[in-house]
């Protein structure tokens, strides 16, 4: 050993690939919907409304 060390995940490869973000999709009526970021290590709790059109998602 040359004094270098290696750090690995204590719970293994499976744990390191687990889902750690939770999005909640809500139906608000006719065309309106809402996405809530309920859990994320990178983003704060937030929400935004959107509609689904022929062109795709419209914020």
Protein backbone atom coordinates (compact mmCIF):
# COMPACT_ATOMS: atom_id res chain seq x y z
CA UNK A 1 0.00 0.00 0.00
CA UNK A 2 1.30 3.45 -0.92
CA UNK A 3 -0.80 5.33 1.63
CA UNK A 4 -3.76 5.94 -0.69
CA UNK A 5 -7.24 4.84 0.27
CA UNK A 6 -10.46 4.05 -1.53
CA UNK A 7 -13.93 5.03 -0.35
CA UNK A 8 -16.90 2.86 -1.30
CA UNK A 9 -20.60 3.01 -0.44
CA UNK A 10 -21.19 1.09 2.79
CA UNK A 11 -24.49 -0.32 1.52
CA UNK A 12 -23.12 -1.33 -1.85
CA UNK A 13 -23.82 -0.65 -5.50
CA UNK A 14 -27.59 -1.22 -5.25
CA UNK A 15 -28.01 1.48 -2.60
CA UNK A 16 -25.91 3.98 -4.55
CA UNK A 17 -28.38 3.69 -7.47
CA UNK A 18 -31.58 4.01 -5.42
CA UNK A 19 -34.14 6.70 -6.26
CA UNK A 20 -33.66 9.77 -4.06
CA UNK A 21 -36.09 12.26 -5.65
CA UNK A 22 -39.87 12.19 -5.17
CA UNK A 23 -42.21 13.97 -7.61
CA UNK A 24 -45.94 14.14 -6.97
CA UNK A 25 -48.21 14.67 -9.98
CA UNK A 26 -51.65 16.13 -9.24
CA UNK A 27 -54.72 16.62 -11.40
CA UNK A 28 -56.23 20.07 -10.76
CA UNK A 29 -59.14 20.01 -13.20
CA UNK A 30 -59.89 19.83 -16.92
CA UNK A 31 -56.45 20.65 -18.40
CA UNK A 32 -54.52 21.87 -15.34
CA UNK A 33 -52.03 19.72 -13.50
CA UNK A 34 -49.34 20.31 -10.91
CA UNK A 35 -45.93 18.81 -10.15
CA UNK A 36 -44.59 18.95 -6.59
CA UNK A 37 -40.95 18.30 -5.80
CA UNK A 38 -41.56 16.59 -2.47
CA UNK A 39 -38.09 15.20 -1.79
CA UNK A 40 -34.80 15.99 -3.45
CA UNK A 41 -31.18 16.24 -2.34
CA UNK A 42 -30.64 19.03 -4.91
CA UNK A 43 -33.87 21.07 -5.11
CA UNK A 44 -36.02 22.71 -2.43
CA UNK A 45 -39.69 21.78 -1.97
CA UNK A 46 -41.54 23.57 -4.77
CA UNK A 47 -44.46 23.15 -7.15
CA UNK A 48 -45.52 24.39 -10.54
CA UNK A 49 -48.63 24.09 -12.67
CA UNK A 50 -48.63 22.81 -16.23
CA UNK A 51 -51.01 21.74 -18.99
CA UNK A 52 -50.65 19.04 -21.59
CA UNK A 53 -51.19 20.29 -25.13
CA UNK A 54 -50.72 18.76 -28.54
CA UNK A 55 -47.27 20.42 -28.61
CA UNK A 56 -46.30 18.84 -25.27
CA UNK A 57 -46.04 20.18 -21.71
CA UNK A 58 -46.78 23.89 -21.28
CA UNK A 59 -45.62 25.57 -18.08
